[in-house]
Amino acid sequence: MLRNFKSLIKKSLLNSKGFSEIVSIVMIILFVILVAASPIRNLGQTTSSGISNLNGQMQQVLNGQ
């Protein structure tokens, strides 16, 4: 399977059409990563603050405050 994949990549790089397809796919993936980075970071910060708030509330309940 790995040998087939390697030969497919080699054929694609030797073919100018295949090379341009690989470059375009890499550019699309890079664009998606750059666009999605900020919302993913915000989601992580929101989740972290929510867990911290929940932890504080649970400590208060368990300590009887």
Protein backbone atom coordinates (compact mmCIF):
# COMPACT_ATOMS: atom_id res chain seq x y z
CA MET A 1 0.00 0.00 0.00
CA LEU A 2 2.82 2.39 0.89
CA ARG A 3 4.61 1.46 -2.32
CA ASN A 4 1.48 2.29 -4.35
CA PHE A 5 1.14 5.62 -2.56
CA LYS A 6 4.79 6.44 -3.19
CA SER A 7 4.53 5.62 -6.88
CA LEU A 8 1.35 7.70 -7.16
CA ILE A 9 3.09 10.71 -5.60
CA LYS A 10 6.11 10.24 -7.86
CA LYS A 11 3.90 10.12 -10.97
CA SER A 12 2.01 13.21 -9.82
CA LEU A 13 5.21 15.19 -9.27
CA LEU A 14 6.60 14.25 -12.66
CA ASN A 15 3.35 15.32 -14.33
CA SER A 16 2.97 19.11 -14.43
CA LYS A 17 -0.81 18.82 -13.99
CA GLY A 18 -0.32 16.62 -10.95
CA PHE A 19 2.16 19.06 -9.44
CA SER A 20 -0.23 21.98 -9.84
CA GLU A 21 -3.01 19.93 -8.22
CA ILE A 22 -0.79 19.15 -5.22
CA VAL A 23 0.19 22.81 -4.87
CA SER A 24 -3.44 23.92 -5.05
CA ILE A 25 -4.50 21.37 -2.42
CA VAL A 26 -1.69 22.53 -0.10
CA MET A 27 -2.76 26.15 -0.59
CA ILE A 28 -6.40 25.30 0.22
CA ILE A 29 -5.38 23.40 3.36
CA LEU A 30 -3.14 26.29 4.45
CA PHE A 31 -5.96 28.80 3.88
CA VAL A 32 -8.42 26.70 5.89
CA ILE A 33 -5.93 26.39 8.76
CA LEU A 34 -5.30 30.13 8.84
CA VAL A 35 -9.01 30.96 8.73
CA ALA A 36 -10.01 28.38 11.35
CA ALA A 37 -7.19 29.11 13.82
CA SER A 38 -8.84 32.08 15.54
CA PRO A 39 -12.27 30.47 16.14
CA ILE A 40 -10.62 27.30 17.44
CA ARG A 41 -8.49 29.32 19.85
CA ASN A 42 -11.58 31.23 21.05
CA LEU A 43 -13.44 27.97 21.54
CA GLY A 44 -10.57 26.63 23.64
CA GLN A 45 -10.50 29.76 25.80
CA THR A 46 -14.27 29.63 26.30
CA THR A 47 -14.15 25.97 27.26
CA SER A 48 -11.28 26.60 29.67
CA SER A 49 -13.06 29.45 31.44
CA GLY A 50 -16.28 27.41 31.65
CA ILE A 51 -14.45 24.50 33.25
CA SER A 52 -12.72 26.84 35.70
CA ASN A 53 -16.06 28.38 36.71
CA LEU A 54 -17.62 24.95 37.15
CA ASN A 55 -14.66 23.83 39.26
CA GLY A 56 -15.02 26.87 41.52
CA GLN A 57 -18.75 26.32 41.95
CA MET A 58 -18.26 22.65 42.77
CA GLN A 59 -15.62 23.53 45.39
CA GLN A 60 -18.04 25.97 46.99
CA VAL A 61 -20.84 23.39 47.10
CA LEU A 62 -18.59 20.66 48.47
CA ASN A 63 -17.13 22.97 51.12
CA GLY A 64 -20.64 24.01 52.18
CA GLN A 65 -20.22 27.70 51.43
